[in-house]
């Protein structure tokens, strides 16, 4: 009886040791609701399976819930996870938490959106400034270099979208003197607020020729506003990111073009940098990913299908 009890305890202890031997990598997105972040999650989970690490995914419901994201990050730091991948919702608010991770000796990769600190291992993101430039040149081409345009921005302090907006403005002001940016408003990472912001601009500028929306919720809100006023195709909309509804709007030409990232790869490669560090390698300090402009004519291309529908990817 005593031998059997000892054997059971030994087996349980061995199982516990085997369970704890798997490295835990926490992935903290800006939010968990938009398709972009679900695609990031799919890539991170695929990397976890590929490299034999446990992925713990947790983020705030909304991209403007900075205190909640800090709380989640601090919880992972307290648990002493083996690594963290973080998409910072606000470039200043998350600095203290990132510094605490560094002080705890936890390798941390910042992905998607930068912050005002160098106290991290790697930064992996779309070249968002370049993406904004792509959007500017695309909209200018659609307008033949002339017209009045507006920006539906994302949210104050969001590094990635601020870079897109800056890239767009620099291109329009520097390369296309026939185009004027007449208005810009924040959508606050909310489709309804972005729709209202777009409607306000359309009311103030009824002769508007084009719109650049710098994120998925801003793009969806702008598209909804154009459809509600039967302006789809009349006001040229260049969107950033994608969703199922945005793809349908691209087919219907309510959206003239989308600048699309590869969130699946972003999630996968963010996890890979941490795995590499845990295996004794030194990941690059900065890894830039390129965006791509997609129009209705591109939708049937195989590589575009893989980019727009990342759940179909296989590792």
Protein backbone atom coordinates (compact mmCIF):
# COMPACT_ATOMS: atom_id res chain seq x y z
CA UNK A 1 0.00 0.00 0.00
CA UNK A 2 2.80 2.35 1.00
CA UNK A 3 4.74 1.40 -2.17
CA UNK A 4 1.68 2.13 -4.32
CA UNK A 5 1.25 5.55 -2.68
CA UNK A 6 4.91 6.41 -3.25
CA UNK A 7 4.59 5.32 -6.89
CA UNK A 8 1.49 7.49 -7.42
CA UNK A 9 3.24 10.49 -5.86
CA UNK A 10 6.32 9.91 -7.99
CA UNK A 11 4.26 9.75 -11.17
CA UNK A 12 2.41 12.93 -10.20
CA UNK A 13 5.68 14.70 -9.45
CA UNK A 14 7.16 13.58 -12.75
CA UNK A 15 4.07 14.81 -14.62
CA UNK A 16 4.35 18.17 -12.86
CA UNK A 17 8.00 18.48 -13.83
CA UNK A 18 7.22 17.62 -17.44
CA UNK A 19 4.45 20.22 -17.52
CA UNK A 20 6.64 22.94 -16.02
CA UNK A 21 9.46 22.22 -18.47
CA UNK A 22 7.51 23.84 -21.31
CA UNK A 23 8.46 27.50 -21.68
CA UNK A 24 5.61 30.00 -21.33
CA UNK A 25 5.46 33.00 -23.66
CA UNK A 26 2.82 35.62 -22.98
CA UNK A 27 1.39 37.54 -25.95
CA UNK A 28 -0.33 40.81 -25.04
CA UNK A 29 -2.15 42.51 -27.93
CA UNK A 30 -3.64 46.00 -27.94
CA UNK A 31 -7.09 44.43 -28.02
CA UNK A 32 -8.76 41.10 -28.66
CA UNK A 33 -11.82 41.96 -30.73
CA UNK A 34 -10.65 43.09 -34.19
CA UNK A 35 -9.79 40.61 -36.94
CA UNK A 36 -6.23 41.95 -37.07
CA UNK A 37 -5.56 40.74 -33.52
CA UNK A 38 -7.24 37.40 -34.12
CA UNK A 39 -4.84 36.92 -37.05
CA UNK A 40 -1.90 37.85 -34.79
CA UNK A 41 -3.15 35.26 -32.29
CA UNK A 42 -3.34 32.58 -35.00
CA UNK A 43 0.28 33.25 -35.93
CA UNK A 44 1.44 33.22 -32.32
CA UNK A 45 -0.36 29.94 -31.58
CA UNK A 46 1.13 28.38 -34.72
CA UNK A 47 4.60 29.43 -33.57
CA UNK A 48 3.92 27.94 -30.14
CA UNK A 49 3.08 24.61 -31.75
CA UNK A 50 6.06 24.81 -34.08
CA UNK A 51 8.61 25.58 -31.38
CA UNK A 52 7.10 23.63 -28.50
CA UNK A 53 6.28 26.56 -26.22
CA UNK A 54 3.08 27.43 -24.37
CA UNK A 55 1.36 30.60 -25.61
CA UNK A 56 -0.74 32.59 -23.16
CA UNK A 57 -2.85 35.21 -24.96
CA UNK A 58 -4.45 38.03 -23.00
CA UNK A 59 -5.26 41.63 -23.83
CA UNK A 60 -7.83 44.36 -23.15
CA UNK A 61 -11.15 44.43 -24.96
CA UNK A 62 -10.45 47.85 -26.46
CA UNK A 63 -7.27 49.47 -27.75
CA UNK A 64 -7.85 52.51 -25.55
CA UNK A 65 -7.85 50.55 -22.27
CA UNK A 66 -4.22 51.37 -21.40
CA UNK A 67 -4.57 50.71 -17.64
CA UNK A 68 -5.97 47.25 -18.32
CA UNK A 69 -3.10 46.40 -20.66
CA UNK A 70 -0.59 47.52 -18.02
CA UNK A 71 -2.40 45.36 -15.44
CA UNK A 72 -2.21 42.31 -17.72
CA UNK A 73 1.47 42.90 -18.44
CA UNK A 74 2.32 43.31 -14.74
CA UNK A 75 0.48 40.06 -13.98
CA UNK A 76 2.65 38.16 -16.45
CA UNK A 77 5.77 39.80 -15.01
CA UNK A 78 4.74 38.74 -11.49
CA UNK A 79 4.30 35.18 -12.72
CA UNK A 80 7.84 35.26 -14.16
CA UNK A 81 6.82 33.95 -17.56
CA UNK A 82 9.72 33.04 -19.83
CA UNK A 83 9.07 35.76 -22.39
CA UNK A 84 6.58 38.43 -23.42
CA UNK A 85 5.43 39.76 -26.80
CA UNK A 86 3.68 43.12 -26.42
CA UNK A 87 1.79 45.42 -28.79
CA UNK A 88 1.83 48.68 -26.84
CA UNK A 89 -1.49 50.52 -26.93
CA UNK A 90 0.12 53.84 -26.03
CA UNK A 91 3.71 54.80 -26.64
CA UNK A 92 4.27 56.48 -23.24
CA UNK A 93 1.87 54.69 -20.88
CA UNK A 94 3.46 51.24 -21.31
CA UNK A 95 7.08 52.33 -20.73
CA UNK A 96 7.05 51.67 -16.98
CA UNK A 97 5.71 48.13 -17.40
CA UNK A 98 8.28 47.36 -20.11
CA UNK A 99 11.02 48.62 -17.78
CA UNK A 100 9.71 46.32 -15.04
CA UNK A 101 9.92 43.33 -17.40
CA UNK A 102 13.51 44.22 -18.24
CA UNK A 103 14.38 44.56 -14.54
CA UNK A 104 12.90 41.09 -13.97
CA UNK A 105 15.14 39.66 -16.71
CA UNK A 106 12.21 38.65 -18.93
CA UNK A 107 12.97 38.91 -22.66
CA UNK A 108 10.34 41.17 -24.24
CA UNK A 109 9.60 41.78 -27.89
CA UNK A 110 7.52 44.80 -28.84
CA UNK A 111 5.46 44.19 -31.96
CA UNK A 112 3.10 46.19 -34.19
CA UNK A 113 3.45 49.51 -32.36
CA UNK A 114 6.50 51.16 -30.82
CA UNK A 115 6.91 52.98 -27.53
CA UNK A 116 9.19 55.64 -26.05
CA UNK A 117 11.78 53.23 -24.68
CA UNK A 118 14.67 51.13 -25.92
CA UNK A 119 14.42 48.79 -22.92
CA UNK A 120 13.23 45.77 -24.90
CA UNK A 121 14.85 42.93 -26.81
CA UNK A 122 13.36 43.32 -30.31
CA UNK A 123 10.89 45.52 -32.14
CA UNK A 124 8.96 43.83 -34.94
CA UNK A 125 6.41 45.72 -36.98
CA UNK A 126 5.13 46.76 -40.34
CA UNK A 127 7.02 49.79 -41.60
CA UNK A 128 4.01 51.95 -40.81
CA UNK A 129 5.47 55.21 -42.07
CA UNK A 130 6.09 53.53 -45.41
CA UNK A 131 2.54 52.12 -45.29
CA UNK A 132 1.16 55.62 -44.84
CA UNK A 133 3.24 56.79 -47.79
CA UNK A 134 1.78 53.95 -49.88
CA UNK A 135 -1.71 55.08 -48.91
CA UNK A 136 -0.94 58.67 -49.84
CA UNK A 137 0.43 57.80 -53.26
CA UNK A 138 -2.45 55.40 -53.92
CA UNK A 139 -5.09 58.01 -53.07
CA UNK A 140 -3.25 60.65 -55.12
CA UNK A 141 -3.20 58.31 -58.13
CA UNK A 142 -6.93 57.66 -57.76
CA UNK A 143 -7.56 61.43 -57.73
CA UNK A 144 -5.14 62.15 -60.58
CA UNK A 145 -3.16 64.39 -58.25
CA UNK A 146 -5.95 66.87 -57.47
CA UNK A 147 -8.69 67.26 -54.86
CA UNK A 148 -9.67 67.65 -51.22
CA UNK A 149 -9.04 64.77 -48.83
CA UNK A 150 -9.54 63.96 -45.15
CA UNK A 151 -8.03 61.59 -42.60
CA UNK A 152 -9.94 59.37 -40.20
CA UNK A 153 -7.21 58.73 -37.67
CA UNK A 154 -7.04 55.99 -35.05
CA UNK A 155 -6.35 57.17 -31.48
CA UNK A 156 -3.92 59.61 -29.86
CA UNK A 157 -0.67 58.02 -28.69
CA UNK A 158 -0.89 54.87 -30.85
CA UNK A 159 2.61 54.67 -32.33
CA UNK A 160 1.83 52.50 -35.35
CA UNK A 161 -1.13 54.53 -36.60
CA UNK A 162 0.56 57.86 -35.87
CA UNK A 163 3.41 56.74 -38.13
CA UNK A 164 0.91 55.87 -40.89
CA UNK A 165 -0.79 59.22 -40.57
CA UNK A 166 2.54 61.04 -40.64
CA UNK A 167 3.65 59.09 -43.73
CA UNK A 168 0.38 59.93 -45.48
CA UNK A 169 0.62 63.65 -44.63
CA UNK A 170 4.26 63.90 -45.65
CA UNK A 171 3.59 62.36 -49.06
CA UNK A 172 0.52 64.46 -49.81
CA UNK A 173 2.14 67.73 -48.71
CA UNK A 174 5.53 66.95 -50.23
CA UNK A 175 4.64 65.29 -53.53
CA UNK A 176 1.12 66.35 -54.52
CA UNK A 177 0.58 70.14 -54.38
CA UNK A 178 -2.81 69.73 -56.09
CA UNK A 179 -4.22 67.82 -53.12
CA UNK A 180 -5.25 69.47 -49.85
CA UNK A 181 -5.91 67.73 -46.53
CA UNK A 182 -8.94 69.69 -45.35
CA UNK A 183 -9.83 67.78 -42.16
CA UNK A 184 -8.74 65.05 -39.78
CA UNK A 185 -10.52 63.45 -36.82
CA UNK A 186 -9.86 60.51 -34.50
CA UNK A 187 -12.12 57.46 -34.58
CA UNK A 188 -10.84 56.37 -31.12
CA UNK A 189 -10.51 52.71 -32.20
CA UNK A 190 -14.31 52.53 -32.43
CA UNK A 191 -16.29 51.91 -35.60
CA UNK A 192 -19.28 53.98 -34.50
CA UNK A 193 -17.12 56.93 -33.48
CA UNK A 194 -15.18 56.69 -36.74
CA UNK A 195 -18.47 56.67 -38.67
CA UNK A 196 -19.63 59.78 -36.78
CA UNK A 197 -16.29 61.50 -37.39
CA UNK A 198 -16.55 60.76 -41.12
CA UNK A 199 -20.11 62.05 -41.26
CA UNK A 200 -19.04 65.27 -39.52
CA UNK A 201 -16.30 65.80 -42.11
CA UNK A 202 -18.62 65.02 -45.03
CA UNK A 203 -21.13 67.55 -43.68
CA UNK A 204 -18.46 70.23 -43.31
CA UNK A 205 -16.85 69.41 -46.68
CA UNK A 206 -19.54 68.21 -49.11
CA UNK A 207 -17.11 68.44 -52.05
CA UNK A 208 -14.66 65.99 -50.44
CA UNK A 209 -12.84 63.81 -52.99
CA UNK A 210 -11.02 61.24 -50.88
CA UNK A 211 -10.43 59.76 -47.43
CA UNK A 212 -7.56 57.91 -45.80
CA UNK A 213 -8.48 55.77 -42.77
CA UNK A 214 -5.47 54.60 -40.78
CA UNK A 215 -6.80 51.46 -39.03
CA UNK A 216 -9.44 48.74 -39.27
CA UNK A 217 -12.06 50.42 -37.03
CA UNK A 218 -11.47 53.80 -38.70
CA UNK A 219 -11.76 52.18 -42.14
CA UNK A 220 -14.98 50.36 -41.28
CA UNK A 221 -16.49 53.51 -39.79
CA UNK A 222 -15.55 55.59 -42.84
CA UNK A 223 -17.00 52.97 -45.17
CA UNK A 224 -20.27 52.85 -43.22
CA UNK A 225 -20.57 56.63 -43.46
CA UNK A 226 -20.00 56.60 -47.21
CA UNK A 227 -22.59 53.87 -47.71
CA UNK A 228 -25.13 55.68 -45.55
CA UNK A 229 -24.83 58.71 -47.83
CA UNK A 230 -24.65 56.75 -51.10
CA UNK A 231 -21.12 58.05 -51.66
CA UNK A 232 -19.44 54.68 -52.16
CA UNK A 233 -17.10 54.99 -55.13
CA UNK A 234 -17.71 58.73 -55.41
CA UNK A 235 -15.46 59.63 -52.49
CA UNK A 236 -12.32 57.52 -52.88
CA UNK A 237 -11.53 55.66 -49.67
CA UNK A 238 -8.08 54.18 -49.03
CA UNK A 239 -8.27 51.92 -45.98
CA UNK A 240 -5.62 50.37 -43.74
CA UNK A 241 -5.83 46.71 -42.61
CA UNK A 242 -8.64 44.37 -43.58
CA UNK A 243 -11.68 42.48 -42.32
CA UNK A 244 -14.33 40.34 -44.00
CA UNK A 245 -16.63 43.34 -44.28
CA UNK A 246 -13.85 45.53 -45.71
CA UNK A 247 -13.09 42.90 -48.34
CA UNK A 248 -16.76 42.95 -49.37
CA UNK A 249 -16.62 46.74 -49.53
CA UNK A 250 -13.52 46.50 -51.71
CA UNK A 251 -15.39 44.17 -54.06
CA UNK A 252 -18.26 46.68 -54.15
CA UNK A 253 -15.73 49.51 -54.69
CA UNK A 254 -16.89 51.43 -51.64
CA UNK A 255 -13.25 51.00 -50.60
CA UNK A 256 -10.97 51.87 -53.51
CA UNK A 257 -7.83 50.25 -52.07
CA UNK A 258 -6.53 48.71 -48.84
CA UNK A 259 -3.03 48.86 -47.40
CA UNK A 260 -2.67 45.45 -45.79
CA UNK A 261 -0.23 44.10 -43.23
CA UNK A 262 0.62 40.47 -42.45
CA UNK A 263 -0.59 40.07 -38.85
CA UNK A 264 -0.24 36.27 -38.94
CA UNK A 265 3.47 36.57 -39.67
CA UNK A 266 3.77 39.33 -37.09
CA UNK A 267 2.41 37.10 -34.33
CA UNK A 268 4.47 34.11 -35.48
CA UNK A 269 7.75 36.00 -35.76
CA UNK A 270 7.28 37.90 -32.49
CA UNK A 271 7.13 34.55 -30.69
CA UNK A 272 10.10 33.27 -32.71
CA UNK A 273 12.34 36.13 -31.51
CA UNK A 274 11.70 35.10 -27.91
CA UNK A 275 12.28 31.42 -28.67
CA UNK A 276 15.56 32.33 -30.35
CA UNK A 277 16.64 34.29 -27.26
CA UNK A 278 15.73 31.40 -24.95
CA UNK A 279 17.85 29.15 -27.17
CA UNK A 280 20.89 31.40 -26.77
CA UNK A 281 20.61 33.43 -29.97
CA UNK A 282 20.52 37.23 -30.29
CA UNK A 283 17.50 38.42 -32.32
CA UNK A 284 17.79 41.65 -34.35
CA UNK A 285 16.89 44.81 -32.44
CA UNK A 286 14.50 45.85 -35.23
CA UNK A 287 12.62 43.77 -37.81
CA UNK A 288 10.61 45.63 -40.47
CA UNK A 289 7.77 43.96 -42.38
CA UNK A 290 6.40 45.47 -45.59
CA UNK A 291 2.77 46.31 -46.24
CA UNK A 292 1.00 45.80 -49.56
CA UNK A 293 -1.61 47.79 -51.47
CA UNK A 294 -4.56 45.67 -52.61
CA UNK A 295 -7.28 46.67 -55.05
CA UNK A 296 -10.33 44.81 -56.29
CA UNK A 297 -8.30 43.46 -59.23
CA UNK A 298 -5.86 41.76 -56.82
CA UNK A 299 -8.39 39.75 -54.85
CA UNK A 300 -8.13 36.51 -56.82
CA UNK A 301 -4.33 36.33 -56.61
CA UNK A 302 -3.13 33.36 -54.55
CA UNK A 303 -0.69 35.37 -52.45
CA UNK A 304 -3.38 37.95 -51.69
CA UNK A 305 -5.82 35.24 -50.64
CA UNK A 306 -3.23 33.89 -48.20
CA UNK A 307 -2.62 37.36 -46.81
CA UNK A 308 -6.30 38.23 -46.37
CA UNK A 309 -7.34 34.85 -44.96
CA UNK A 310 -4.49 33.87 -42.60
CA UNK A 311 -6.46 31.06 -40.96
CA UNK A 312 -5.85 29.10 -44.16
CA UNK A 313 -2.09 29.20 -43.61
CA UNK A 314 -0.29 26.09 -42.51
CA UNK A 315 3.00 26.06 -40.67
